[in-house]
Each structure stands twice: as structure tokens, then as C-alpha cells.
Amino acid sequence: MSSQDIPEENLPVAQDTTQVAVADEKHPFADPGLPPHEHRIQDIDERAAKRSERAVALLFTVSMLATVGFIASYVTIPHDKSVFVFPIGHLNALNFALGLTLGLALFCIGAGAVHWARTLMSDEEIADERHPIEAEPEVRAKVHADFKQGAKESALGRRKLIRNTMFGALALFPLSGVVLLRDLGPLPGTKLRHTLWSKGKLLVNMNTNEPLRPADVAVGSLTFAKPEGLEEHDHEFQTEIAKAALMIVRIQPDNIKDKRELEWSHEGIVAYSKICTHVGCPISLYEQQTHHVLCPCHQSTFDLSDGARVIFGPAGHALPQLRIGVNDEGYLEALGDFEEPVGPAFWERG
């Protein structure tokens, strides 16, 4: 159907934009003006406009479904599953599904917006003269009027099906990004406050992988220990050892200045967290004459004969001590977990 098939009184009113300027000495090239406006089928046939409206709504609806598919794929498809896609070959099923659904959701929003603008919004070209940069009251009034005119021509208020499906697509699509936040990992909960140490756990030498007896720890020596049952091939080994690693030092009981440290020791054997309270580096340097341990990262120094208090460096608090004893078989064992979180301070440390 063309505009010639529609009575003149039914055609939309077009603005006169064909005025042509005459060439003169100041402007040697005449302004050719704008070509006559040709009405689209949607401008003269409401049924065609309805078809375009339904097409745009369909694209927005497909975008919503693709977003839901993105979330469903992320939750249900195993990360190690593969799928064969011709002619590409084997692909990770999760990555393929996420890319396909996310791309489809974005494409349909864009395609729907383009189709809406091309078929239902006004397509008349309007010439506007240059004007000063400053905003005069008349200019502001014109901007407001143009905005209202554009809003009217977009038919956003009249085309409710398009409006509602567009809002639905735009509202659902950001959920894809929210769901991706899950990859940041589960919330830590109280994991930072607890370690694998508990009452009855044996102290195992990190080097020999054997339980420790008091006789194995000589005065002035430094021994590193881990909880019984924690093995290097365990999936969570690095996570757990980062909280449970111990330094074991034997000091003459008369040289221990802190009363609680003496009570929590066994015959001068004290067990402290190996994790520096500054940024979590492993402490490994011990000076037996002064009983000081030094963190090699930023030189925080702790006095193991005085509650492992900080005597130098940026560390914020003393090393946590583990209360130890000896079981019936003569092995060193923990008498509980650390009473405070190990490692660096955190905002909800308690």
C-alpha cells in the first residue's frame, strides 16, 4: 500500500521543509532544502502499525526469556560439562549457554529499539538553524517543547504493549550482572573466626608429618605444626593451613613473662599462630636469645616470651596463642581453638 492509495485527508500533516534559498554573492551555493517526505506504511495504516508494535514487543519478550535462560543456565549447568557445537567443536556448556543467552538478550533489546524507531517513531527530517550556545528563555522553552513533541511522537504512552515489554526487558536484563556476583564466592560467615584446631587435635610436625611429643621440641628451637588430619593433597589444604599453621617454641618457664602464656603452655612449649597479624605473611624467622620472631614481609616483630606482643613494625596486634597440653599417649594436643581470629584484622573482627 502506498500513500497514493489513501485519501489526502487521511495522510498525516507534513511540515513544509522544502524552502530553497537563492544563491547570492555572500552564499554562492544555494541550499537545496530537504526532499519531500514520504510516508511509511505504518503512518497511514494502523494495522501495519499494530504489526510493528507486536514485532517490537516480541523482541523485548524474547530478551526477557533470554535473561531468564541466562540465570537458569548459570544455576543448573555444571561448570565442567562440555557440549559439541558444529562446526566449532567441543565447548564448555556453561560458557556457551551464558554467551548465547546474554548475547540474545542484548541483541533483542537493541533490535527492538531500532525497529521501534524505524517504523513507529517520527521519521521526518527537520532543519534547525544554528543558535548561540547560551540558553535563552526562548531556547529552553523550545527544548521543553521539542522533548514533549518527541515523547508524543514516540507513542510511548499510546503503545502500551511496547512500553510494558520494553520496561520488562530492561528490568530483567540487569539481573544477569547481579547473578554473576555469585562468582565472588560465598559469604565467609564466621569462617575467619575459626580454624581446624579443636580439643584433642594432635600437633603434627609439618616436615615429618608425625605427631609431636614434648621431647621433640628442644629449648630455643622453632618447629612448625599443623592439625591432625590435614593433608597436603586435601582440596581445602591451602585455605585451612592459612589459618591453622602453628609456630612451636620451647622457652624456659622462668623466661616467660606473660601469666596466661605460661598457663597455656606445656613445660615451656608455647604454640602461636604462624600468620602475621599485619597482612597475613607466614612468620619464619626466630631469634632464640631474645625470643623474638620476625615477619620477613614488613619486619613486624613479636616477643614470644611476652604474649607475642608487637614490639616493632606495622602489625596491629599480638599473635594468637593456642592452648596446648599432652594426651594419655604423651603427644602434644590442642585444648581448643584459638580464642581470637588469626591473621590480619578485618572490619567485623570479634
Protein backbone atom coordinates (compact mmCIF):
# COMPACT_ATOMS: atom_id res chain seq x y z
CA MET A 1 0.00 0.00 0.00
CA SER A 2 1.33 3.47 -0.88
CA SER A 3 0.30 7.00 0.03
CA GLN A 4 -1.44 7.29 -3.37
CA ASP A 5 -3.99 4.69 -2.22
CA ILE A 6 -5.00 6.75 0.84
CA PRO A 7 -7.27 9.81 0.60
CA GLU A 8 -5.37 13.05 1.13
CA GLU A 9 -7.39 13.98 4.21
CA ASN A 10 -6.20 10.73 5.96
CA LEU A 11 -2.50 11.42 5.48
CA PRO A 12 -0.50 12.88 8.36
CA VAL A 13 0.15 16.58 8.13
CA ALA A 14 3.72 17.21 6.97
CA GLN A 15 5.75 20.30 7.69
CA ASP A 16 6.97 22.39 4.78
CA THR A 17 10.70 21.73 4.70
CA THR A 18 11.32 22.31 1.01
CA GLN A 19 12.07 26.02 1.04
CA VAL A 20 15.09 26.68 -1.12
CA ALA A 21 17.47 29.57 -0.56
CA VAL A 22 18.59 31.61 -3.57
CA ALA A 23 22.31 31.87 -4.28
CA ASP A 24 23.90 35.31 -3.94
CA GLU A 25 27.35 36.80 -3.56
CA LYS A 26 27.51 36.04 0.16
CA HIS A 27 26.19 32.49 -0.24
CA PRO A 28 27.28 31.32 -3.70
CA PHE A 29 25.75 27.85 -3.18
CA ALA A 30 22.01 27.62 -2.82
CA ASP A 31 20.53 25.46 -0.07
CA PRO A 32 18.85 22.57 -1.88
CA GLY A 33 16.49 22.05 1.04
CA LEU A 34 15.11 18.70 2.19
CA PRO A 35 13.48 16.20 -0.15
CA PRO A 36 9.71 15.74 0.12
CA HIS A 37 8.73 13.48 2.96
CA GLU A 38 7.42 10.05 2.02
CA HIS A 39 5.00 8.45 4.45
CA ARG A 40 5.69 4.93 5.69
CA ILE A 41 3.05 2.26 5.60
CA GLN A 42 2.79 2.48 9.41
CA ASP A 43 1.95 6.19 9.14
CA ILE A 44 -1.12 5.58 7.01
CA ASP A 45 -2.27 2.12 8.06
CA GLU A 46 -2.98 1.42 11.72
CA ARG A 47 -2.98 -2.32 11.07
CA ALA A 48 0.62 -2.11 9.84
CA ALA A 49 1.47 -0.02 12.90
CA LYS A 50 -0.03 -2.72 15.12
CA ARG A 51 2.05 -5.37 13.37
CA SER A 52 5.21 -3.36 14.01
CA GLU A 53 4.16 -2.86 17.61
CA ARG A 54 3.72 -6.61 18.08
CA ALA A 55 7.11 -7.27 16.43
CA VAL A 56 8.84 -4.87 18.80
CA ALA A 57 7.03 -6.39 21.77
CA LEU A 58 8.08 -9.86 20.62
CA LEU A 59 11.73 -8.83 20.52
CA PHE A 60 11.53 -7.39 24.03
CA THR A 61 9.77 -10.54 25.26
CA VAL A 62 12.47 -12.76 23.72
CA SER A 63 15.05 -10.61 25.55
CA MET A 64 13.26 -11.27 28.84
CA LEU A 65 13.16 -15.01 28.16
CA ALA A 66 16.86 -14.98 27.25
CA THR A 67 17.70 -13.25 30.52
CA VAL A 68 15.73 -15.88 32.43
CA GLY A 69 17.59 -18.54 30.42
CA PHE A 70 20.91 -16.92 31.36
CA ILE A 71 20.09 -17.17 35.06
CA ALA A 72 18.76 -20.73 34.72
CA SER A 73 21.89 -21.81 32.81
CA TYR A 74 24.16 -20.28 35.43
CA VAL A 75 22.39 -22.11 38.24
CA THR A 76 21.76 -25.52 36.64
CA ILE A 77 24.59 -26.29 34.17
CA PRO A 78 27.74 -27.83 35.76
CA HIS A 79 30.87 -25.78 35.14
CA ASP A 80 32.78 -28.83 33.87
CA LYS A 81 30.19 -30.07 31.34
CA SER A 82 31.05 -29.86 27.63
CA VAL A 83 28.87 -29.80 24.51
CA PHE A 84 29.61 -30.35 20.82
CA VAL A 85 28.67 -27.41 18.59
CA PHE A 86 29.07 -27.86 14.83
CA PRO A 87 31.34 -26.66 13.24
CA ILE A 88 33.21 -25.21 16.22
CA GLY A 89 33.70 -28.46 18.14
CA HIS A 90 33.55 -29.18 21.85
CA LEU A 91 32.83 -26.18 24.07
CA ASN A 92 32.22 -25.62 27.74
CA ALA A 93 28.45 -25.97 28.04
CA LEU A 94 28.10 -23.30 30.73
CA ASN A 95 30.13 -20.70 28.85
CA PHE A 96 28.27 -21.45 25.61
CA ALA A 97 24.86 -21.13 27.26
CA LEU A 98 25.79 -17.92 29.10
CA GLY A 99 27.21 -16.31 25.97
CA LEU A 100 24.27 -17.36 23.81
CA THR A 101 21.54 -16.18 26.20
CA LEU A 102 23.31 -12.96 27.18
CA GLY A 103 24.01 -12.08 23.54
CA LEU A 104 20.41 -12.84 22.55
CA ALA A 105 19.06 -10.68 25.39
CA LEU A 106 21.22 -7.72 24.37
CA PHE A 107 20.52 -8.17 20.64
CA CYS A 108 16.76 -8.29 21.10
CA ILE A 109 16.72 -5.12 23.20
CA GLY A 110 18.76 -3.32 20.54
CA ALA A 111 16.79 -4.77 17.61
CA GLY A 112 13.50 -3.91 19.27
CA ALA A 113 14.59 -0.32 19.88
CA VAL A 114 15.80 0.06 16.27
CA HIS A 115 12.62 -1.45 14.80
CA TRP A 116 10.51 0.81 17.02
CA ALA A 117 12.40 3.91 15.88
CA ARG A 118 12.35 2.92 12.21
CA THR A 119 8.67 2.03 11.94
CA LEU A 120 6.69 3.84 14.64
CA MET A 121 8.56 6.96 15.71
CA SER A 122 8.50 10.06 13.55
CA ASP A 123 10.95 9.94 10.63
CA GLU A 124 10.56 13.49 9.36
CA GLU A 125 13.78 15.44 8.89
CA ILE A 126 13.61 18.91 10.37
CA ALA A 127 16.13 21.65 9.66
CA ASP A 128 17.14 23.67 12.69
CA GLU A 129 19.19 26.84 12.40
CA ARG A 130 22.35 27.26 14.44
CA HIS A 131 21.85 29.26 17.61
CA PRO A 132 24.05 30.80 20.31
CA ILE A 133 25.46 28.45 22.94
CA GLU A 134 23.87 30.30 25.83
CA ALA A 135 20.41 29.09 26.71
CA GLU A 136 17.93 31.89 26.34
CA PRO A 137 14.48 31.54 27.86
CA GLU A 138 13.09 31.02 24.38
CA VAL A 139 15.61 28.21 23.75
CA ARG A 140 14.72 26.46 26.99
CA ALA A 141 11.07 26.73 26.11
CA LYS A 142 11.83 25.27 22.69
CA VAL A 143 13.82 22.37 24.21
CA HIS A 144 10.95 21.55 26.50
CA ALA A 145 8.53 21.74 23.63
CA ASP A 146 10.76 19.53 21.46
CA PHE A 147 11.04 16.99 24.27
CA LYS A 148 7.29 16.86 24.70
CA GLN A 149 6.87 16.58 20.94
CA GLY A 150 9.42 13.73 20.80
CA ALA A 151 7.70 11.94 23.65
CA LYS A 152 4.40 12.32 21.84
CA GLU A 153 5.81 11.09 18.53
CA SER A 154 7.42 8.06 20.21
CA ALA A 155 3.89 6.95 21.12
CA LEU A 156 5.27 5.54 24.38
CA GLY A 157 2.08 6.42 26.19
CA ARG A 158 -0.19 5.13 23.45
CA ARG A 159 1.74 1.97 22.57
CA LYS A 160 1.36 0.34 25.97
CA LEU A 161 2.34 -3.13 24.76
CA ILE A 162 5.74 -1.85 23.60
CA ARG A 163 6.21 0.24 26.72
CA ASN A 164 5.45 -2.58 29.13
CA THR A 165 7.55 -5.21 27.36
CA MET A 166 10.47 -2.77 26.99
CA PHE A 167 10.35 -1.98 30.70
CA GLY A 168 10.23 -5.71 31.42
CA ALA A 169 13.27 -6.43 29.25
CA LEU A 170 15.27 -3.53 30.72
CA ALA A 171 14.28 -4.50 34.26
CA LEU A 172 15.20 -8.17 33.90
CA PHE A 173 18.46 -7.78 31.97
CA PRO A 174 20.49 -6.26 34.88
CA LEU A 175 19.73 -9.42 36.86
CA SER A 176 22.37 -11.15 34.71
CA GLY A 177 25.06 -8.96 36.26
CA VAL A 178 23.65 -9.47 39.75
CA VAL A 179 23.74 -13.24 39.34
CA LEU A 180 27.38 -13.05 38.20
CA LEU A 181 28.26 -11.62 41.62
CA ARG A 182 27.86 -15.19 42.86
CA ASP A 183 31.28 -15.91 41.35
CA LEU A 184 32.81 -13.69 44.03
CA GLY A 185 32.28 -16.69 46.29
CA PRO A 186 30.04 -17.49 49.25
CA LEU A 187 29.90 -15.15 52.20
CA PRO A 188 32.61 -16.02 54.75
CA GLY A 189 30.19 -16.11 57.67
CA THR A 190 32.21 -16.98 60.79
CA LYS A 191 34.91 -18.94 58.92
CA LEU A 192 37.51 -16.25 59.64
CA ARG A 193 36.99 -16.71 63.37
CA HIS A 194 37.56 -20.46 63.45
CA THR A 195 40.28 -22.91 62.40
CA LEU A 196 40.62 -26.70 62.31
CA TRP A 197 42.04 -26.73 65.82
CA SER A 198 39.79 -28.25 68.46
CA LYS A 199 40.12 -30.05 71.76
CA GLY A 200 42.12 -33.27 71.33
CA LYS A 201 43.65 -32.44 67.90
CA LEU A 202 47.27 -33.60 67.81
CA LEU A 203 50.07 -31.22 66.80
CA VAL A 204 51.69 -32.73 63.68
CA ASN A 205 55.17 -31.73 62.54
CA MET A 206 54.95 -30.04 59.12
CA ASN A 207 58.25 -31.57 57.98
CA THR A 208 57.96 -35.15 59.22
CA ASN A 209 54.15 -35.41 59.21
CA GLU A 210 54.41 -37.14 62.61
CA PRO A 211 52.68 -36.19 65.88
CA LEU A 212 54.89 -34.21 68.25
CA ARG A 213 55.99 -35.21 71.74
CA PRO A 214 57.38 -32.68 74.21
CA ALA A 215 60.80 -34.32 73.84
CA ASP A 216 60.77 -33.47 70.13
CA VAL A 217 60.86 -29.73 70.86
CA ALA A 218 64.25 -28.55 72.13
CA VAL A 219 64.79 -25.30 74.02
CA GLY A 220 65.48 -22.48 71.55
CA SER A 221 64.20 -24.42 68.54
CA LEU A 222 61.40 -23.37 66.17
CA THR A 223 59.02 -26.04 64.87
CA PHE A 224 56.08 -25.64 62.52
CA ALA A 225 52.95 -27.73 63.06
CA LYS A 226 49.55 -28.41 61.51
CA PRO A 227 46.36 -30.01 62.84
CA GLU A 228 45.98 -33.76 62.81
CA GLY A 229 44.10 -34.97 59.72
CA LEU A 230 45.05 -32.08 57.42
CA GLU A 231 46.95 -33.43 54.42
CA GLU A 232 48.63 -31.54 51.57
CA HIS A 233 46.58 -33.35 48.93
CA ASP A 234 43.31 -32.16 50.50
CA HIS A 235 41.29 -29.79 48.32
CA GLU A 236 40.99 -27.20 51.11
CA PHE A 237 44.58 -27.58 52.35
CA GLN A 238 45.79 -24.09 51.40
CA THR A 239 42.66 -22.45 52.80
CA GLU A 240 42.87 -24.28 56.12
CA ILE A 241 46.63 -24.12 56.65
CA ALA A 242 46.46 -20.36 56.08
CA LYS A 243 44.52 -20.17 59.34
CA ALA A 244 45.81 -23.16 61.31
CA ALA A 245 49.60 -23.04 60.79
CA LEU A 246 51.48 -23.04 64.13
CA MET A 247 54.87 -21.96 65.42
CA ILE A 248 56.05 -24.09 68.35
CA VAL A 249 58.86 -22.77 70.51
CA ARG A 250 60.24 -24.06 73.79
CA ILE A 251 61.25 -21.39 76.30
CA GLN A 252 62.48 -21.86 79.84
CA PRO A 253 59.37 -21.34 82.01
CA ASP A 254 61.26 -18.78 84.11
CA ASN A 255 61.73 -16.64 80.99
CA ILE A 256 58.01 -16.46 80.15
CA LYS A 257 56.75 -13.06 81.28
CA ASP A 258 53.05 -13.35 80.46
CA LYS A 259 50.99 -15.28 83.01
CA ARG A 260 48.36 -16.54 80.56
CA GLU A 261 51.05 -17.62 78.10
CA LEU A 262 52.64 -19.74 80.84
CA GLU A 263 49.27 -21.30 81.76
CA TRP A 264 48.53 -22.17 78.13
CA SER A 265 51.93 -23.73 77.55
CA HIS A 266 53.28 -27.15 78.48
CA GLU A 267 56.65 -27.26 80.21
CA GLY A 268 57.63 -24.04 78.43
CA ILE A 269 56.40 -25.21 74.99
CA VAL A 270 54.24 -22.44 73.53
CA ALA A 271 52.19 -22.57 70.32
CA TYR A 272 51.41 -19.39 68.41
CA SER A 273 49.79 -18.69 65.08
CA LYS A 274 52.34 -18.54 62.27
CA ILE A 275 50.24 -15.97 60.37
CA CYS A 276 51.37 -12.36 60.80
CA THR A 277 48.66 -10.01 62.03
CA HIS A 278 49.68 -7.33 59.54
CA VAL A 279 48.84 -8.72 56.08
CA GLY A 280 48.95 -12.47 56.70
CA CYS A 281 52.52 -13.38 55.73
CA PRO A 282 53.96 -16.60 57.24
CA ILE A 283 56.42 -15.86 60.03
CA SER A 284 59.60 -17.90 59.85
CA LEU A 285 62.50 -16.03 61.48
CA TYR A 286 63.24 -16.73 65.17
CA GLU A 287 65.93 -15.31 67.41
CA GLN A 288 66.40 -17.70 70.33
CA GLN A 289 68.32 -15.35 72.61
CA THR A 290 65.61 -12.67 72.64
CA HIS A 291 62.67 -14.98 71.82
CA HIS A 292 61.65 -12.59 69.05
CA VAL A 293 60.08 -13.70 65.78
CA LEU A 294 60.27 -11.54 62.68
CA CYS A 295 57.88 -11.40 59.73
CA PRO A 296 60.03 -11.25 56.55
CA CYS A 297 57.47 -9.20 54.61
CA HIS A 298 57.35 -5.94 56.58
CA GLN A 299 59.57 -6.65 59.58
CA SER A 300 56.83 -6.84 62.21
CA THR A 301 58.49 -8.26 65.33
CA PHE A 302 56.77 -10.18 68.14
CA ASP A 303 58.07 -11.17 71.58
CA LEU A 304 57.14 -14.83 72.17
CA SER A 305 58.19 -14.62 75.81
CA ASP A 306 55.65 -11.87 76.49
CA GLY A 307 52.37 -12.96 74.92
CA ALA A 308 53.72 -12.47 71.36
CA ARG A 309 53.06 -8.74 71.65
CA VAL A 310 54.20 -6.43 68.85
CA ILE A 311 57.47 -4.68 69.65
CA PHE A 312 58.21 -3.33 66.16
CA GLY A 313 56.62 -2.90 62.78
CA PRO A 314 53.14 -2.30 61.33
CA ALA A 315 51.32 -5.30 62.83
CA GLY A 316 48.26 -4.21 64.76
CA HIS A 317 48.00 -6.81 67.49
CA ALA A 318 49.75 -9.78 69.09
CA LEU A 319 49.85 -13.26 67.60
CA PRO A 320 47.02 -15.52 68.85
CA GLN A 321 48.16 -18.31 71.17
CA LEU A 322 46.84 -21.89 71.06
CA ARG A 323 46.34 -23.59 74.40
CA ILE A 324 48.10 -26.98 74.39
CA GLY A 325 48.62 -30.00 76.63
CA VAL A 326 49.67 -33.65 76.49
CA ASN A 327 47.33 -36.59 75.99
CA ASP A 328 47.50 -40.00 77.64
CA GLU A 329 49.88 -41.27 74.96
CA GLY A 330 52.34 -38.43 75.55
CA TYR A 331 51.63 -36.44 72.39
CA LEU A 332 51.09 -32.70 72.29
CA GLU A 333 47.46 -31.82 71.64
CA ALA A 334 45.32 -28.71 71.35
CA LEU A 335 42.95 -27.93 74.19
CA GLY A 336 40.62 -25.94 71.94
CA ASP A 337 40.66 -23.46 69.07
CA PHE A 338 42.25 -20.02 69.06
CA GLU A 339 40.19 -17.65 71.17
CA GLU A 340 40.52 -14.86 68.60
CA PRO A 341 40.72 -14.77 64.79
CA VAL A 342 44.16 -15.36 63.32
CA GLY A 343 45.84 -13.21 60.70
CA PRO A 344 45.18 -9.60 59.73
CA ALA A 345 42.42 -7.56 61.29
CA PHE A 346 39.13 -7.24 59.42
CA TRP A 347 36.26 -4.79 59.89
CA GLU A 348 34.00 -7.16 61.81
CA ARG A 349 36.76 -8.86 63.76
CA GLY A 350 35.42 -10.08 67.05
